[in-house]
Amino acid sequence: MSSVKSIPESICIIRLSAIGDCCHTLPVIRTLQDYFPSASVTWIIGKTEYSLLEGSEGIEFITFDKSKGVQSYLDIKKQLSGRKFQFLLHMHASMRANIVSTLVNANRRIGFDRLRARDYQWLFSSERIIEKKHRHVMDGLFEFTENFGIKERSLRWDIPIRSSDKNYVDNLIKDDSPMVVISPCSSSRFRNFRNWSVENYIKIANYLLENHRAQIILTGADTKIEKDYANEISKKSSGELMNLVGKTSLKRLLALIGKADLVICPDSGPAHMAASTGTPVVGLYATSNRLRTGPYFSQHLAVDRYPDAIKTEFNKPIKSLRWGQRVRDPLAMELITVTEVTQKIDMVLGSHYQHTQKKQRLPLL
């Protein structure tokens, strides 16, 4: 266990990926900056994630490009040559991040507690944060600030967005109809079944068009499954949709999400990008625990069938399983019904709720 009493002068943070987890990390860094304004902050981050957070004030970024293999480690070693940090906050429990950590010269090396230090992370840190169970990922990352004796949190992101990206999004807005971003797919990983069916998304699109006169924008990465989803939804919906799948940078996507009245998506990066802008999210959860990875400010809007999926696959209560246990049933997401999603949509797009929520939006820089 670890407890920090000295005031840091230099802090190096390792959090390479993913987009959602890096979004969770940024307010942790903002909190450290607010409490230790004279401390320098260096963040070793993945190349894709950097493209979203690039330009964030007061942070020196060192990018890790996993596509370059060994060369990326050599590049980081060169950039860190001759440097020494007072603290290394090892916020990423993975073997790749562990290897990167060996390139960082630091007086104190703080990692996760043994319970959460996957991939032998405890071998790569000399101190550990205090073990706390059953927490949201972002709450877990804030334990690194609690380790400095900081009790308050600065829940701000301040991710800069270019004027050209803001203008691009402004030009997409047609009228005063609610703008809804649907990002139907999660990232493709082995035995990671987070995607709802395309047929259900078509029904949701039609509901939004017919009941809320919504302007619907489809977003996603330039992958075959995401393009296939978007093409099918666009073709079979009852009205016109805007298909931007594979056509936006992460900065532009953030600008789009920041202007949207609602985001609908499974457990994926856009859900956590929306948290950074204060945009409500109807999250679709069955194979992952929304209490651990759900949209931070929109837990009440999540359609949560994870307990049912756990019971079906393991025939055990959630409390008897590892926190965050994944469900590997390819059909689990079909436990989510269209009616459950439309009920959450109505909660957000009702005039009174929409009015009060817009007052709480976070500014786009």
Protein backbone atom coordinates (compact mmCIF):
# COMPACT_ATOMS: atom_id res chain seq x y z
CA MET A 1 0.00 0.00 0.00
CA SER A 2 1.07 3.54 -0.62
CA SER A 3 0.42 7.01 0.76
CA VAL A 4 1.99 10.15 -0.65
CA LYS A 5 2.69 13.10 1.62
CA SER A 6 5.26 15.07 -0.39
CA ILE A 7 4.30 17.64 -3.01
CA PRO A 8 5.19 16.33 -6.47
CA GLU A 9 7.36 18.31 -8.84
CA SER A 10 7.14 15.94 -11.82
CA ILE A 11 4.61 13.23 -12.59
CA CYS A 12 4.68 10.66 -15.37
CA ILE A 13 1.43 8.84 -16.13
CA ILE A 14 1.03 5.67 -18.17
CA ARG A 15 -2.41 5.06 -19.65
CA LEU A 16 -2.02 3.88 -23.22
CA SER A 17 -5.59 2.98 -24.14
CA ALA A 18 -8.52 2.72 -24.72
CA ILE A 19 -10.45 5.83 -25.70
CA GLY A 20 -12.94 5.47 -22.87
CA ASP A 21 -10.28 4.78 -20.26
CA CYS A 22 -8.21 7.74 -21.42
CA CYS A 23 -11.33 9.91 -21.10
CA HIS A 24 -11.61 8.63 -17.52
CA THR A 25 -7.95 9.49 -16.89
CA LEU A 26 -8.10 13.13 -17.98
CA PRO A 27 -10.14 14.50 -15.02
CA VAL A 28 -7.77 12.63 -12.70
CA ILE A 29 -4.92 14.59 -14.25
CA ARG A 30 -6.92 17.83 -14.04
CA THR A 31 -7.35 17.19 -10.33
CA LEU A 32 -3.61 16.71 -9.88
CA GLN A 33 -2.96 19.90 -11.85
CA ASP A 34 -5.39 21.90 -9.73
CA TYR A 35 -3.78 20.73 -6.48
CA PHE A 36 -0.18 20.82 -7.68
CA PRO A 37 -0.08 23.63 -10.26
CA SER A 38 3.71 23.76 -10.33
CA ALA A 39 4.11 20.04 -11.09
CA SER A 40 4.96 19.01 -14.64
CA VAL A 41 2.77 16.25 -16.09
CA THR A 42 3.90 13.83 -18.79
CA TRP A 43 1.42 11.32 -20.17
CA ILE A 44 2.51 8.27 -22.17
CA ILE A 45 -0.52 7.50 -24.33
CA GLY A 46 -1.53 5.49 -27.39
CA LYS A 47 -1.38 7.13 -30.80
CA THR A 48 -5.14 6.86 -31.46
CA GLU A 49 -6.07 8.18 -28.04
CA TYR A 50 -3.64 11.08 -28.46
CA SER A 51 -5.50 12.17 -31.59
CA LEU A 52 -8.50 12.89 -29.35
CA LEU A 53 -6.67 14.55 -26.44
CA GLU A 54 -4.00 16.40 -28.45
CA GLY A 55 -3.50 19.96 -27.26
CA SER A 56 -4.87 19.41 -23.75
CA GLU A 57 -3.44 22.24 -21.68
CA GLY A 58 -0.56 21.60 -19.32
CA ILE A 59 0.17 18.03 -20.44
CA GLU A 60 3.25 16.79 -22.25
CA PHE A 61 2.23 13.80 -24.35
CA ILE A 62 4.54 11.01 -25.43
CA THR A 63 2.80 8.73 -27.90
CA PHE A 64 3.06 4.98 -28.14
CA ASP A 65 2.31 3.52 -31.57
CA LYS A 66 1.71 -0.20 -31.10
CA SER A 67 1.68 -0.74 -34.88
CA LYS A 68 5.41 0.00 -34.92
CA GLY A 69 6.19 -2.92 -32.63
CA VAL A 70 9.59 -2.82 -30.95
CA GLN A 71 10.43 0.50 -32.60
CA SER A 72 7.79 2.29 -30.54
CA TYR A 73 9.48 1.19 -27.32
CA LEU A 74 12.80 2.40 -28.70
CA ASP A 75 11.24 5.75 -29.61
CA ILE A 76 9.92 6.23 -26.08
CA LYS A 77 13.24 5.18 -24.60
CA LYS A 78 14.96 7.85 -26.68
CA GLN A 79 12.48 10.55 -25.64
CA LEU A 80 12.88 9.70 -21.96
CA SER A 81 16.65 9.39 -22.07
CA GLY A 82 18.29 11.38 -19.28
CA ARG A 83 14.99 12.26 -17.63
CA LYS A 84 13.87 11.37 -14.12
CA PHE A 85 10.44 11.85 -12.59
CA GLN A 86 9.50 12.16 -8.97
CA PHE A 87 6.42 9.96 -9.46
CA LEU A 88 5.30 7.36 -11.96
CA LEU A 89 1.56 6.69 -11.81
CA HIS A 90 1.14 3.36 -13.56
CA MET A 91 -2.57 3.55 -14.42
CA HIS A 92 -2.67 0.79 -17.03
CA ALA A 93 -2.57 -2.86 -16.03
CA SER A 94 -1.37 -4.59 -19.19
CA MET A 95 1.86 -6.25 -20.24
CA ARG A 96 2.44 -3.67 -22.97
CA ALA A 97 2.13 -0.86 -20.41
CA ASN A 98 4.36 -2.78 -18.01
CA ILE A 99 7.13 -2.89 -20.60
CA VAL A 100 6.71 0.84 -21.23
CA SER A 101 7.01 1.45 -17.49
CA THR A 102 10.51 -0.06 -17.47
CA LEU A 103 11.61 2.84 -19.67
CA VAL A 104 10.54 5.43 -17.08
CA ASN A 105 13.08 6.48 -14.45
CA ALA A 106 11.14 7.55 -11.36
CA ASN A 107 11.81 7.86 -7.64
CA ARG A 108 8.44 6.38 -6.73
CA ARG A 109 6.49 3.94 -8.89
CA ILE A 110 2.82 3.61 -7.92
CA GLY A 111 0.49 1.03 -9.44
CA PHE A 112 -2.81 -0.68 -8.75
CA ASP A 113 -3.47 -2.82 -5.72
CA ARG A 114 -2.83 -6.54 -6.16
CA LEU A 115 -6.51 -7.28 -6.92
CA ARG A 116 -6.54 -5.01 -9.98
CA ALA A 117 -2.89 -5.30 -11.02
CA ARG A 118 -3.48 -7.64 -13.94
CA ASP A 119 -0.66 -8.98 -16.14
CA TYR A 120 1.77 -8.96 -13.21
CA GLN A 121 1.68 -5.19 -12.86
CA TRP A 122 2.71 -5.50 -9.19
CA LEU A 123 6.15 -6.58 -10.37
CA PHE A 124 6.59 -3.25 -12.17
CA SER A 125 5.61 -0.90 -9.32
CA SER A 126 7.15 -0.47 -5.90
CA GLU A 127 4.03 0.97 -4.26
CA ARG A 128 0.32 0.30 -4.64
CA ILE A 129 -2.86 2.26 -4.12
CA ILE A 130 -5.20 1.04 -1.38
CA GLU A 131 -7.51 -1.77 -2.43
CA LYS A 132 -11.14 -0.76 -2.95
CA LYS A 133 -13.68 -3.08 -4.48
CA HIS A 134 -16.63 -2.71 -6.84
CA ARG A 135 -15.90 0.74 -8.22
CA HIS A 136 -16.44 2.42 -11.55
CA VAL A 137 -13.27 2.56 -13.66
CA MET A 138 -13.00 6.34 -13.26
CA ASP A 139 -13.49 6.09 -9.50
CA GLY A 140 -10.69 3.53 -9.47
CA LEU A 141 -8.39 5.90 -11.30
CA PHE A 142 -9.23 8.68 -8.86
CA GLU A 143 -7.73 6.49 -6.16
CA PHE A 144 -4.37 7.67 -7.48
CA THR A 145 -5.28 11.24 -6.43
CA GLU A 146 -6.67 9.96 -3.13
CA ASN A 147 -3.23 8.46 -2.62
CA PHE A 148 -1.92 12.04 -2.50
CA GLY A 149 -4.48 12.90 0.17
CA ILE A 150 -6.76 14.68 -2.32
CA LYS A 151 -10.42 14.17 -1.45
CA GLU A 152 -12.05 16.53 -3.94
CA ARG A 153 -12.30 15.93 -7.68
CA SER A 154 -12.06 18.25 -10.66
CA LEU A 155 -14.57 16.70 -13.03
CA ARG A 156 -13.45 18.67 -16.03
CA TRP A 157 -11.90 17.59 -19.30
CA ASP A 158 -11.22 20.76 -21.31
CA ILE A 159 -10.40 18.84 -24.50
CA PRO A 160 -9.63 21.43 -27.17
CA ILE A 161 -11.48 21.28 -30.50
CA ARG A 162 -10.50 23.18 -33.62
CA SER A 163 -12.82 25.90 -34.92
CA SER A 164 -13.03 24.07 -38.26
CA ASP A 165 -14.47 21.00 -36.51
CA LYS A 166 -16.96 23.11 -34.56
CA ASN A 167 -18.04 24.86 -37.74
CA TYR A 168 -18.41 21.55 -39.55
CA VAL A 169 -20.80 20.31 -36.88
CA ASP A 170 -22.71 23.60 -36.74
CA ASN A 171 -23.36 23.28 -40.47
CA LEU A 172 -24.88 19.83 -39.96
CA ILE A 173 -27.59 21.07 -37.63
CA LYS A 174 -30.69 21.59 -39.76
CA ASP A 175 -33.31 22.99 -37.39
CA ASP A 176 -34.49 22.84 -33.81
CA SER A 177 -35.18 19.11 -33.99
CA PRO A 178 -33.28 17.04 -31.41
CA MET A 179 -30.00 15.73 -32.76
CA VAL A 180 -29.27 12.12 -31.86
CA VAL A 181 -25.95 10.41 -32.45
CA ILE A 182 -26.17 6.63 -32.82
CA SER A 183 -22.83 4.83 -32.60
CA PRO A 184 -24.07 1.25 -33.00
CA CYS A 185 -20.88 -0.76 -32.66
CA SER A 186 -18.21 -1.34 -30.06
CA SER A 187 -14.61 -2.07 -30.99
CA SER A 188 -14.03 -5.53 -32.39
CA ARG A 189 -12.21 -7.77 -29.92
CA PHE A 190 -11.97 -11.50 -29.41
CA ARG A 191 -15.16 -12.87 -27.82
CA ASN A 192 -16.35 -9.36 -27.08
CA PHE A 193 -20.06 -9.33 -27.89
CA ARG A 194 -21.30 -5.81 -27.16
CA ASN A 195 -23.25 -5.03 -30.32
CA TRP A 196 -27.03 -4.93 -30.44
CA SER A 197 -28.69 -6.20 -33.62
CA VAL A 198 -28.97 -4.01 -36.70
CA GLU A 199 -32.70 -4.80 -36.85
CA ASN A 200 -33.23 -3.28 -33.41
CA TYR A 201 -31.30 -0.15 -34.36
CA ILE A 202 -33.56 0.25 -37.39
CA LYS A 203 -36.58 0.16 -35.08
CA ILE A 204 -34.97 2.75 -32.81
CA ALA A 205 -34.17 5.00 -35.76
CA ASN A 206 -37.77 4.79 -36.95
CA TYR A 207 -39.03 5.57 -33.44
CA LEU A 208 -36.83 8.65 -33.23
CA LEU A 209 -37.94 9.84 -36.66
CA GLU A 210 -41.64 9.26 -36.14
CA ASN A 211 -42.03 10.24 -32.47
CA HIS A 212 -39.39 12.94 -31.97
CA ARG A 213 -38.69 14.23 -35.50
CA ALA A 214 -35.05 13.65 -34.62
CA GLN A 215 -32.07 14.37 -36.80
CA ILE A 216 -30.12 11.11 -36.62
CA ILE A 217 -26.39 10.89 -37.29
CA LEU A 218 -24.67 7.51 -37.48
CA THR A 219 -21.04 7.41 -36.39
CA GLY A 220 -18.30 4.83 -36.08
CA ALA A 221 -14.87 3.77 -37.24
CA ASP A 222 -13.86 2.83 -40.76
CA THR A 223 -14.37 -0.92 -40.31
CA LYS A 224 -16.44 -3.36 -42.36
CA ILE A 225 -18.88 -4.24 -39.59
CA GLU A 226 -19.53 -0.61 -38.70
CA LYS A 227 -20.02 0.40 -42.33
CA ASP A 228 -22.32 -2.57 -42.89
CA TYR A 229 -24.37 -1.63 -39.84
CA ALA A 230 -24.69 1.99 -40.95
CA ASN A 231 -25.57 1.12 -44.54
CA GLU A 232 -28.29 -1.30 -43.41
CA ILE A 233 -29.76 1.14 -40.89
CA SER A 234 -29.76 3.96 -43.44
CA LYS A 235 -31.31 1.82 -46.17
CA LYS A 236 -34.15 0.39 -44.08
CA SER A 237 -35.10 3.36 -41.91
CA SER A 238 -38.32 5.22 -42.60
CA GLY A 239 -36.60 8.57 -43.11
CA GLU A 240 -33.32 10.21 -43.98
CA LEU A 241 -30.30 9.59 -41.76
CA MET A 242 -26.82 11.07 -41.98
CA ASN A 243 -24.14 8.39 -42.27
CA LEU A 244 -20.76 9.62 -41.01
CA VAL A 245 -19.28 6.21 -40.23
CA GLY A 246 -15.59 6.27 -41.11
CA LYS A 247 -15.79 9.96 -42.03
CA THR A 248 -14.92 11.80 -38.80
CA SER A 249 -11.77 12.26 -36.79
CA LEU A 250 -12.04 11.75 -33.04
CA LYS A 251 -11.89 15.52 -32.51
CA ARG A 252 -14.75 16.04 -34.95
CA LEU A 253 -16.70 13.21 -33.36
CA LEU A 254 -16.26 14.89 -29.98
CA ALA A 255 -17.55 18.17 -31.43
CA LEU A 256 -20.53 16.30 -32.83
CA ILE A 257 -21.27 14.55 -29.54
CA GLY A 258 -20.96 17.86 -27.71
CA LYS A 259 -23.71 19.37 -29.87
CA ALA A 260 -25.98 16.31 -29.73
CA ASP A 261 -29.04 16.09 -27.50
CA LEU A 262 -28.52 12.36 -27.04
CA VAL A 263 -26.04 9.58 -27.78
CA ILE A 264 -27.14 5.95 -28.13
CA CYS A 265 -24.41 3.31 -28.06
CA PRO A 266 -23.17 0.12 -26.43
CA ASP A 267 -20.20 -0.02 -24.03
CA SER A 268 -17.74 1.96 -26.19
CA GLY A 269 -15.59 5.06 -26.46
CA PRO A 270 -18.35 7.48 -27.56
CA ALA A 271 -20.24 6.81 -24.30
CA HIS A 272 -17.29 8.20 -22.33
CA MET A 273 -16.57 10.98 -24.81
CA ALA A 274 -20.16 12.08 -24.15
CA ALA A 275 -19.42 12.21 -20.43
CA SER A 276 -16.67 14.74 -21.16
CA THR A 277 -19.20 17.06 -22.84
CA GLY A 278 -22.14 16.47 -20.51
CA THR A 279 -24.25 14.88 -23.25
CA PRO A 280 -26.82 12.30 -22.06
CA VAL A 281 -26.16 8.69 -23.12
CA VAL A 282 -28.58 5.81 -23.45
CA GLY A 283 -26.06 3.02 -22.95
CA LEU A 284 -26.85 -0.55 -23.97
CA TYR A 285 -25.40 -3.03 -21.48
CA ALA A 286 -25.70 -6.80 -21.24
CA THR A 287 -22.22 -8.31 -21.63
CA SER A 288 -20.43 -5.79 -19.39
CA ASN A 289 -21.27 -4.28 -16.01
CA ARG A 290 -22.53 -0.73 -16.43
CA LEU A 291 -21.69 -0.01 -12.77
CA ARG A 292 -18.05 -0.51 -13.71
CA THR A 293 -17.88 0.80 -17.28
CA GLY A 294 -21.14 2.66 -17.90
CA PRO A 295 -21.40 6.35 -18.93
CA TYR A 296 -20.36 8.14 -15.76
CA PHE A 297 -23.13 10.77 -15.66
CA SER A 298 -25.82 8.67 -17.37
CA GLN A 299 -26.06 5.58 -15.24
CA HIS A 300 -29.79 6.22 -14.79
CA LEU A 301 -30.25 6.11 -18.57
CA ALA A 302 -28.49 2.79 -19.14
CA VAL A 303 -30.56 -0.16 -20.32
CA ASP A 304 -29.01 -2.79 -18.09
CA ARG A 305 -29.61 -6.48 -18.74
CA TYR A 306 -26.23 -7.54 -17.38
CA PRO A 307 -27.70 -9.22 -14.27
CA ASP A 308 -29.95 -11.36 -16.49
CA ALA A 309 -27.08 -12.24 -18.81
CA ILE A 310 -24.90 -13.22 -15.85
CA LYS A 311 -27.64 -15.46 -14.47
CA THR A 312 -28.11 -17.11 -17.86
CA GLU A 313 -24.43 -17.79 -18.46
CA PHE A 314 -23.17 -18.59 -14.96
CA ASN A 315 -26.32 -19.38 -12.97
CA LYS A 316 -24.77 -17.42 -10.11
CA PRO A 317 -25.45 -14.02 -8.53
CA ILE A 318 -23.22 -11.16 -9.62
CA LYS A 319 -21.70 -10.74 -6.16
CA SER A 320 -20.20 -14.23 -6.35
CA LEU A 321 -18.25 -13.43 -9.52
CA ARG A 322 -15.24 -11.25 -10.29
CA TRP A 323 -16.12 -7.56 -10.48
CA GLY A 324 -16.54 -6.70 -14.11
CA GLN A 325 -16.90 -10.32 -15.23
CA ARG A 326 -17.58 -10.38 -18.97
CA VAL A 327 -20.47 -12.28 -20.48
CA ARG A 328 -19.33 -14.23 -23.54
CA ASP A 329 -22.74 -15.22 -24.91
CA PRO A 330 -23.08 -13.82 -28.46
CA LEU A 331 -26.85 -13.51 -27.95
CA ALA A 332 -26.75 -11.70 -24.60
CA MET A 333 -27.32 -8.23 -26.09
CA GLU A 334 -30.65 -9.43 -27.47
CA LEU A 335 -31.96 -9.42 -23.91
CA ILE A 336 -32.27 -5.66 -24.40
CA THR A 337 -35.70 -4.81 -25.80
CA VAL A 338 -36.64 -1.97 -28.11
CA THR A 339 -39.27 -0.81 -25.61
CA GLU A 340 -36.67 -0.44 -22.86
CA VAL A 341 -34.57 1.77 -25.12
CA THR A 342 -37.47 3.93 -26.30
CA GLN A 343 -38.48 4.54 -22.69
CA LYS A 344 -35.02 5.91 -21.95
CA ILE A 345 -35.11 8.00 -25.13
CA ASP A 346 -38.38 9.57 -24.02
CA MET A 347 -36.81 10.45 -20.67
CA VAL A 348 -34.11 12.46 -22.43
CA LEU A 349 -36.03 14.04 -25.27
CA GLY A 350 -38.96 15.15 -23.13
CA SER A 351 -38.99 18.96 -23.22
CA HIS A 352 -38.57 19.53 -19.47
CA TYR A 353 -35.70 17.06 -19.05
CA GLN A 354 -33.97 18.33 -22.17
CA HIS A 355 -34.21 21.95 -20.99
CA THR A 356 -32.73 21.26 -17.55
CA GLN A 357 -29.94 19.07 -18.92
CA LYS A 358 -28.79 21.61 -21.50
CA LYS A 359 -28.00 24.03 -18.69
CA GLN A 360 -25.45 21.54 -17.34
CA ARG A 361 -23.53 20.99 -20.57
CA LEU A 362 -19.77 21.25 -20.37
CA PRO A 363 -18.21 23.83 -22.70
CA LEU A 364 -16.25 22.83 -25.78
CA LEU A 365 -12.94 24.69 -25.93
